[in-house]
């Protein structure tokens, strides 16, 4: 079994697969954007001082920005 860790820990350029999402905290719009378990994402940008994180969602070829406070509730594995 692969180790799961928070999305915000990834570095720019790293690719991971979403394993679980805390649905009670993460807005439902994330699911509409394609952030679902099993989806492959790549970190494209990380703003300093706990700013937004730019994600490339591979399945839909979409680039989105999410808050670090939301990224800590998304668990991924490499």
PDB file of N, CA and C in Angstrom:
ATOM      1  N   UNK A   1       0.833  -1.185   0.000  1.00  0.00           N
ATOM      2  CA  UNK A   1       0.000   0.000   0.000  1.00  0.00           C
ATOM      3  C   UNK A   1       0.878   1.248   0.000  1.00  0.00           C
ATOM      4  N   UNK A   2       0.512   2.221  -0.808  1.00  0.00           N
ATOM      5  CA  UNK A   2       1.302   3.439  -0.900  1.00  0.00           C
ATOM      6  C   UNK A   2       0.955   4.386   0.239  1.00  0.00           C
ATOM      7  N   UNK A   3       1.955   5.150   0.642  1.00  0.00           N
ATOM      8  CA  UNK A   3       1.775   6.113   1.715  1.00  0.00           C
ATOM      9  C   UNK A   3       0.999   7.322   1.205  1.00  0.00           C
ATOM     10  N   UNK A   4       0.031   7.785   1.981  1.00  0.00           N
ATOM     11  CA  UNK A   4      -0.723   8.983   1.640  1.00  0.00           C
ATOM     12  C   UNK A   4      -0.219  10.152   2.462  1.00  0.00           C
ATOM     13  N   UNK A   5      -0.192  11.332   1.855  1.00  0.00           N
ATOM     14  CA  UNK A   5       0.207  12.535   2.559  1.00  0.00           C
ATOM     15  C   UNK A   5      -0.551  13.714   1.970  1.00  0.00           C
ATOM     16  N   UNK A   6      -0.469  14.853   2.641  1.00  0.00           N
ATOM     17  CA  UNK A   6      -1.238  16.020   2.232  1.00  0.00           C
ATOM     18  C   UNK A   6      -0.708  16.612   0.929  1.00  0.00           C
ATOM     19  N   UNK A   7      -1.610  17.145   0.139  1.00  0.00           N
ATOM     20  CA  UNK A   7      -1.269  17.739  -1.156  1.00  0.00           C
ATOM     21  C   UNK A   7      -0.316  18.922  -1.013  1.00  0.00           C
ATOM     22  N   UNK A   8      -0.452  19.689   0.048  1.00  0.00           N
ATOM     23  CA  UNK A   8       0.372  20.891   0.206  1.00  0.00           C
ATOM     24  C   UNK A   8       1.847  20.587   0.444  1.00  0.00           C
ATOM     25  N   UNK A   9       2.185  19.343   0.729  1.00  0.00           N
ATOM     26  CA  UNK A   9       3.575  18.955   0.988  1.00  0.00           C
ATOM     27  C   UNK A   9       4.362  18.764  -0.312  1.00  0.00           C
ATOM     28  N   UNK A  10       3.666  18.514  -1.419  1.00  0.00           N
ATOM     29  CA  UNK A  10       4.350  18.309  -2.695  1.00  0.00           C
ATOM     30  C   UNK A  10       5.116  19.554  -3.114  1.00  0.00           C
ATOM     31  N   UNK A  11       6.182  19.333  -3.877  1.00  0.00           N
ATOM     32  CA  UNK A  11       6.988  20.429  -4.411  1.00  0.00           C
ATOM     33  C   UNK A  11       6.578  20.688  -5.866  1.00  0.00           C
ATOM     34  N   UNK A  12       6.946  21.840  -6.369  1.00  0.00           N
ATOM     35  CA  UNK A  12       6.637  22.200  -7.758  1.00  0.00           C
ATOM     36  C   UNK A  12       7.235  21.152  -8.701  1.00  0.00           C
ATOM     37  N   UNK A  13       6.427  20.678  -9.628  1.00  0.00           N
ATOM     38  CA  UNK A  13       6.861  19.674 -10.591  1.00  0.00           C
ATOM     39  C   UNK A  13       6.521  18.248 -10.203  1.00  0.00           C
ATOM     40  N   UNK A  14       6.158  18.013  -8.956  1.00  0.00           N
ATOM     41  CA  UNK A  14       5.835  16.654  -8.525  1.00  0.00           C
ATOM     42  C   UNK A  14       4.423  16.269  -8.976  1.00  0.00           C
ATOM     43  N   UNK A  15       4.284  15.000  -9.319  1.00  0.00           N
ATOM     44  CA  UNK A  15       3.012  14.446  -9.777  1.00  0.00           C
ATOM     45  C   UNK A  15       2.545  13.429  -8.750  1.00  0.00           C
ATOM     46  N   UNK A  16       1.243  13.436  -8.466  1.00  0.00           N
ATOM     47  CA  UNK A  16       0.684  12.505  -7.483  1.00  0.00           C
ATOM     48  C   UNK A  16      -0.749  12.171  -7.876  1.00  0.00           C
ATOM     49  N   UNK A  17      -1.274  11.130  -7.242  1.00  0.00           N
ATOM     50  CA  UNK A  17      -2.654  10.700  -7.460  1.00  0.00           C
ATOM     51  C   UNK A  17      -3.455  10.965  -6.195  1.00  0.00           C
ATOM     52  N   UNK A  18      -4.621  11.573  -6.361  1.00  0.00           N
ATOM     53  CA  UNK A  18      -5.482  11.849  -5.210  1.00  0.00           C
ATOM     54  C   UNK A  18      -6.014  10.534  -4.668  1.00  0.00           C
ATOM     55  N   UNK A  19      -5.885  10.347  -3.366  1.00  0.00           N
ATOM     56  CA  UNK A  19      -6.391   9.136  -2.708  1.00  0.00           C
ATOM     57  C   UNK A  19      -7.707   9.419  -1.989  1.00  0.00           C
ATOM     58  N   UNK A  20      -7.730  10.423  -1.127  1.00  0.00           N
ATOM     59  CA  UNK A  20      -8.948  10.760  -0.392  1.00  0.00           C
ATOM     60  C   UNK A  20      -9.063  12.275  -0.263  1.00  0.00           C
ATOM     61  N   UNK A  21     -10.294  12.713  -0.086  1.00  0.00           N
ATOM     62  CA  UNK A  21     -10.587  14.128   0.119  1.00  0.00           C
ATOM     63  C   UNK A  21     -11.559  14.222   1.286  1.00  0.00           C
ATOM     64  N   UNK A  22     -11.276  15.122   2.216  1.00  0.00           N
ATOM     65  CA  UNK A  22     -12.177  15.352   3.337  1.00  0.00           C
ATOM     66  C   UNK A  22     -13.358  16.166   2.828  1.00  0.00           C
ATOM     67  N   UNK A  23     -14.435  15.482   2.480  1.00  0.00           N
ATOM     68  CA  UNK A  23     -15.582  16.112   1.844  1.00  0.00           C
ATOM     69  C   UNK A  23     -16.294  17.117   2.740  1.00  0.00           C
ATOM     70  N   UNK A  24     -16.139  16.993   4.050  1.00  0.00           N
ATOM     71  CA  UNK A  24     -16.798  17.911   4.976  1.00  0.00           C
ATOM     72  C   UNK A  24     -16.162  19.298   4.940  1.00  0.00           C
ATOM     73  N   UNK A  25     -14.900  19.393   4.523  1.00  0.00           N
ATOM     74  CA  UNK A  25     -14.172  20.661   4.543  1.00  0.00           C
ATOM     75  C   UNK A  25     -13.988  21.240   3.150  1.00  0.00           C
ATOM     76  N   UNK A  26     -13.731  20.401   2.175  1.00  0.00           N
ATOM     77  CA  UNK A  26     -13.428  20.856   0.811  1.00  0.00           C
ATOM     78  C   UNK A  26     -14.731  21.218   0.091  1.00  0.00           C
ATOM     79  N   UNK A  27     -14.778  22.386  -0.565  1.00  0.00           N
ATOM     80  CA  UNK A  27     -15.999  22.795  -1.280  1.00  0.00           C
ATOM     81  C   UNK A  27     -16.361  21.829  -2.412  1.00  0.00           C
ATOM     82  N   UNK A  28     -17.642  21.706  -2.677  1.00  0.00           N
ATOM     83  CA  UNK A  28     -18.102  20.783  -3.724  1.00  0.00           C
ATOM     84  C   UNK A  28     -17.638  21.212  -5.115  1.00  0.00           C
ATOM     85  N   UNK A  29     -17.283  22.498  -5.292  1.00  0.00           N
ATOM     86  CA  UNK A  29     -16.810  22.942  -6.602  1.00  0.00           C
ATOM     87  C   UNK A  29     -15.542  22.206  -7.032  1.00  0.00           C
ATOM     88  N   UNK A  30     -14.774  21.710  -6.061  1.00  0.00           N
ATOM     89  CA  UNK A  30     -13.560  20.957  -6.392  1.00  0.00           C
ATOM     90  C   UNK A  30     -13.898  19.688  -7.155  1.00  0.00           C
ATOM     91  N   UNK A  31     -14.987  19.039  -6.773  1.00  0.00           N
ATOM     92  CA  UNK A  31     -15.390  17.820  -7.453  1.00  0.00           C
ATOM     93  C   UNK A  31     -15.842  18.138  -8.877  1.00  0.00           C
ATOM     94  N   UNK A  32     -16.485  19.276  -9.057  1.00  0.00           N
ATOM     95  CA  UNK A  32     -16.916  19.708 -10.390  1.00  0.00           C
ATOM     96  C   UNK A  32     -15.719  20.028 -11.280  1.00  0.00           C
ATOM     97  N   UNK A  33     -14.616  20.483 -10.678  1.00  0.00           N
ATOM     98  CA  UNK A  33     -13.400  20.792 -11.432  1.00  0.00           C
ATOM     99  C   UNK A  33     -12.603  19.540 -11.785  1.00  0.00           C
ATOM    100  N   UNK A  34     -12.973  18.399 -11.211  1.00  0.00           N
ATOM    101  CA  UNK A  34     -12.282  17.152 -11.522  1.00  0.00           C
ATOM    102  C   UNK A  34     -11.338  16.670 -10.446  1.00  0.00           C
ATOM    103  N   UNK A  35     -11.324  17.307  -9.295  1.00  0.00           N
ATOM    104  CA  UNK A  35     -10.485  16.831  -8.186  1.00  0.00           C
ATOM    105  C   UNK A  35     -11.221  15.713  -7.472  1.00  0.00           C
ATOM    106  N   UNK A  36     -11.007  14.507  -7.945  1.00  0.00           N
ATOM    107  CA  UNK A  36     -11.672  13.315  -7.436  1.00  0.00           C
ATOM    108  C   UNK A  36     -10.631  12.258  -7.097  1.00  0.00           C
ATOM    109  N   UNK A  37     -10.947  11.344  -6.188  1.00  0.00           N
ATOM    110  CA  UNK A  37     -10.011  10.243  -5.925  1.00  0.00           C
ATOM    111  C   UNK A  37      -9.686   9.494  -7.218  1.00  0.00           C
ATOM    112  N   UNK A  38      -8.398   9.209  -7.396  1.00  0.00           N
ATOM    113  CA  UNK A  38      -7.928   8.531  -8.595  1.00  0.00           C
ATOM    114  C   UNK A  38      -7.396   9.484  -9.656  1.00  0.00           C
ATOM    115  N   UNK A  39      -7.615  10.779  -9.485  1.00  0.00           N
ATOM    116  CA  UNK A  39      -7.168  11.778 -10.448  1.00  0.00           C
ATOM    117  C   UNK A  39      -5.690  12.095 -10.236  1.00  0.00           C
ATOM    118  N   UNK A  40      -4.954  12.235 -11.330  1.00  0.00           N
ATOM    119  CA  UNK A  40      -3.541  12.595 -11.278  1.00  0.00           C
ATOM    120  C   UNK A  40      -3.410  14.108 -11.373  1.00  0.00           C
ATOM    121  N   UNK A  41      -2.625  14.674 -10.450  1.00  0.00           N
ATOM    122  CA  UNK A  41      -2.400  16.120 -10.435  1.00  0.00           C
ATOM    123  C   UNK A  41      -0.908  16.407 -10.380  1.00  0.00           C
ATOM    124  N   UNK A  42      -0.540  17.580 -10.881  1.00  0.00           N
ATOM    125  CA  UNK A  42       0.854  18.030 -10.844  1.00  0.00           C
ATOM    126  C   UNK A  42       0.888  19.432 -10.238  1.00  0.00           C
ATOM    127  N   UNK A  43       1.842  19.665  -9.349  1.00  0.00           N
ATOM    128  CA  UNK A  43       2.011  20.990  -8.768  1.00  0.00           C
ATOM    129  C   UNK A  43       2.738  21.865  -9.778  1.00  0.00           C
ATOM    130  N   UNK A  44       2.098  22.945 -10.216  1.00  0.00           N
ATOM    131  CA  UNK A  44       2.687  23.853 -11.194  1.00  0.00           C
ATOM    132  C   UNK A  44       3.276  25.098 -10.538  1.00  0.00           C
ATOM    133  N   UNK A  45       2.600  25.609  -9.509  1.00  0.00           N
ATOM    134  CA  UNK A  45       3.049  26.834  -8.838  1.00  0.00           C
ATOM    135  C   UNK A  45       2.745  26.739  -7.353  1.00  0.00           C
ATOM    136  N   UNK A  46       3.592  27.360  -6.554  1.00  0.00           N
ATOM    137  CA  UNK A  46       3.328  27.503  -5.119  1.00  0.00           C
ATOM    138  C   UNK A  46       3.701  28.926  -4.733  1.00  0.00           C
ATOM    139  N   UNK A  47       2.716  29.686  -4.321  1.00  0.00           N
ATOM    140  CA  UNK A  47       2.966  31.067  -3.913  1.00  0.00           C
ATOM    141  C   UNK A  47       3.596  31.063  -2.517  1.00  0.00           C
ATOM    142  N   UNK A  48       4.445  32.037  -2.234  1.00  0.00           N
ATOM    143  CA  UNK A  48       5.073  32.101  -0.912  1.00  0.00           C
ATOM    144  C   UNK A  48       4.075  32.505   0.177  1.00  0.00           C
ATOM    145  N   UNK A  49       4.495  32.289   1.409  1.00  0.00           N
ATOM    146  CA  UNK A  49       3.721  32.701   2.589  1.00  0.00           C
ATOM    147  C   UNK A  49       2.333  32.071   2.628  1.00  0.00           C
ATOM    148  N   UNK A  50       2.259  30.773   2.394  1.00  0.00           N
ATOM    149  CA  UNK A  50       0.998  30.011   2.438  1.00  0.00           C
ATOM    150  C   UNK A  50      -0.030  30.513   1.430  1.00  0.00           C
ATOM    151  N   UNK A  51       0.451  31.006   0.298  1.00  0.00           N
ATOM    152  CA  UNK A  51      -0.441  31.468  -0.768  1.00  0.00           C
ATOM    153  C   UNK A  51      -1.012  30.304  -1.547  1.00  0.00           C
ATOM    154  N   UNK A  52      -1.704  30.590  -2.644  1.00  0.00           N
ATOM    155  CA  UNK A  52      -2.353  29.546  -3.431  1.00  0.00           C
ATOM    156  C   UNK A  52      -1.362  28.567  -4.080  1.00  0.00           C
ATOM    157  N   UNK A  53      -1.892  27.407  -4.396  1.00  0.00           N
ATOM    158  CA  UNK A  53      -1.130  26.348  -5.055  1.00  0.00           C
ATOM    159  C   UNK A  53      -1.768  26.113  -6.423  1.00  0.00           C
ATOM    160  N   UNK A  54      -0.965  26.205  -7.484  1.00  0.00           N
ATOM    161  CA  UNK A  54      -1.449  25.953  -8.837  1.00  0.00           C
ATOM    162  C   UNK A  54      -1.344  24.473  -9.160  1.00  0.00           C
ATOM    163  N   UNK A  55      -2.455  23.871  -9.565  1.00  0.00           N
ATOM    164  CA  UNK A  55      -2.511  22.442  -9.879  1.00  0.00           C
ATOM    165  C   UNK A  55      -2.879  22.224 -11.336  1.00  0.00           C
ATOM    166  N   UNK A  56      -2.190  21.299 -11.972  1.00  0.00           N
ATOM    167  CA  UNK A  56      -2.591  20.839 -13.300  1.00  0.00           C
ATOM    168  C   UNK A  56      -3.316  19.515 -13.099  1.00  0.00           C
ATOM    169  N   UNK A  57      -4.595  19.482 -13.473  1.00  0.00           N
ATOM    170  CA  UNK A  57      -5.394  18.260 -13.369  1.00  0.00           C
ATOM    171  C   UNK A  57      -5.249  17.529 -14.695  1.00  0.00           C
ATOM    172  N   UNK A  58      -4.566  16.401 -14.682  1.00  0.00           N
ATOM    173  CA  UNK A  58      -4.229  15.696 -15.922  1.00  0.00           C
ATOM    174  C   UNK A  58      -5.449  15.164 -16.667  1.00  0.00           C
ATOM    175  N   UNK A  59      -6.440  14.649 -15.957  1.00  0.00           N
ATOM    176  CA  UNK A  59      -7.588  14.026 -16.629  1.00  0.00           C
ATOM    177  C   UNK A  59      -8.340  15.010 -17.513  1.00  0.00           C
ATOM    178  N   UNK A  60      -8.462  16.259 -17.038  1.00  0.00           N
ATOM    179  CA  UNK A  60      -9.224  17.262 -17.794  1.00  0.00           C
ATOM    180  C   UNK A  60      -8.329  18.336 -18.414  1.00  0.00           C
ATOM    181  N   UNK A  61      -7.018  18.201 -18.247  1.00  0.00           N
ATOM    182  CA  UNK A  61      -6.043  19.168 -18.761  1.00  0.00           C
ATOM    183  C   UNK A  61      -6.400  20.589 -18.324  1.00  0.00           C
ATOM    184  N   UNK A  62      -6.670  20.742 -17.025  1.00  0.00           N
ATOM    185  CA  UNK A  62      -7.105  22.003 -16.446  1.00  0.00           C
ATOM    186  C   UNK A  62      -6.079  22.495 -15.443  1.00  0.00           C
ATOM    187  N   UNK A  63      -5.890  23.819 -15.387  1.00  0.00           N
ATOM    188  CA  UNK A  63      -5.027  24.435 -14.392  1.00  0.00           C
ATOM    189  C   UNK A  63      -5.909  25.212 -13.426  1.00  0.00           C
ATOM    190  N   UNK A  64      -5.829  24.880 -12.129  1.00  0.00           N
ATOM    191  CA  UNK A  64      -6.625  25.562 -11.109  1.00  0.00           C
ATOM    192  C   UNK A  64      -5.709  25.989  -9.968  1.00  0.00           C
ATOM    193  N   UNK A  65      -6.167  26.961  -9.209  1.00  0.00           N
ATOM    194  CA  UNK A  65      -5.454  27.398  -8.019  1.00  0.00           C
ATOM    195  C   UNK A  65      -6.339  27.140  -6.817  1.00  0.00           C
ATOM    196  N   UNK A  66      -5.746  26.534  -5.784  1.00  0.00           N
ATOM    197  CA  UNK A  66      -6.495  26.283  -4.558  1.00  0.00           C
ATOM    198  C   UNK A  66      -5.719  26.857  -3.380  1.00  0.00           C
ATOM    199  N   UNK A  67      -6.428  27.132  -2.315  1.00  0.00           N
ATOM    200  CA  UNK A  67      -5.794  27.640  -1.106  1.00  0.00           C
ATOM    201  C   UNK A  67      -5.036  26.531  -0.397  1.00  0.00           C
ATOM    202  N   UNK A  68      -3.985  26.906   0.305  1.00  0.00           N
ATOM    203  CA  UNK A  68      -3.252  25.920   1.095  1.00  0.00           C
ATOM    204  C   UNK A  68      -4.161  25.329   2.167  1.00  0.00           C
ATOM    205  N   UNK A  69      -5.047  26.159   2.729  1.00  0.00           N
ATOM    206  CA  UNK A  69      -5.971  25.680   3.766  1.00  0.00           C
ATOM    207  C   UNK A  69      -6.923  24.616   3.227  1.00  0.00           C
ATOM    208  N   UNK A  70      -7.140  24.581   1.919  1.00  0.00           N
ATOM    209  CA  UNK A  70      -7.965  23.538   1.301  1.00  0.00           C
ATOM    210  C   UNK A  70      -7.100  22.340   0.910  1.00  0.00           C
ATOM    211  N   UNK A  71      -5.877  22.606   0.483  1.00  0.00           N
ATOM    212  CA  UNK A  71      -4.973  21.535   0.047  1.00  0.00           C
ATOM    213  C   UNK A  71      -4.604  20.579   1.192  1.00  0.00           C
ATOM    214  N   UNK A  72      -4.633  21.062   2.422  1.00  0.00           N
ATOM    215  CA  UNK A  72      -4.263  20.183   3.536  1.00  0.00           C
ATOM    216  C   UNK A  72      -5.311  19.112   3.798  1.00  0.00           C
ATOM    217  N   UNK A  73      -6.484  19.238   3.163  1.00  0.00           N
ATOM    218  CA  UNK A  73      -7.554  18.248   3.339  1.00  0.00           C
ATOM    219  C   UNK A  73      -7.653  17.291   2.147  1.00  0.00           C
ATOM    220  N   UNK A  74      -6.676  17.378   1.233  1.00  0.00           N
ATOM    221  CA  UNK A  74      -6.617  16.470   0.087  1.00  0.00           C
ATOM    222  C   UNK A  74      -5.379  15.589   0.264  1.00  0.00           C
ATOM    223  N   UNK A  75      -5.586  14.281   0.291  1.00  0.00           N
ATOM    224  CA  UNK A  75      -4.490  13.347   0.530  1.00  0.00           C
ATOM    225  C   UNK A  75      -4.136  12.628  -0.768  1.00  0.00           C
ATOM    226  N   UNK A  76      -2.833  12.555  -1.048  1.00  0.00           N
ATOM    227  CA  UNK A  76      -2.343  12.009  -2.311  1.00  0.00           C
ATOM    228  C   UNK A  76      -1.260  10.978  -2.046  1.00  0.00           C
ATOM    229  N   UNK A  77      -0.908  10.242  -3.098  1.00  0.00           N
ATOM    230  CA  UNK A  77       0.247   9.341  -3.067  1.00  0.00           C
ATOM    231  C   UNK A  77       0.994   9.507  -4.375  1.00  0.00           C
ATOM    232  N   UNK A  78       2.311   9.307  -4.320  1.00  0.00           N
ATOM    233  CA  UNK A  78       3.141   9.454  -5.513  1.00  0.00           C
ATOM    234  C   UNK A  78       3.091   8.194  -6.336  1.00  0.00           C
TER     235      UNK A  78
END
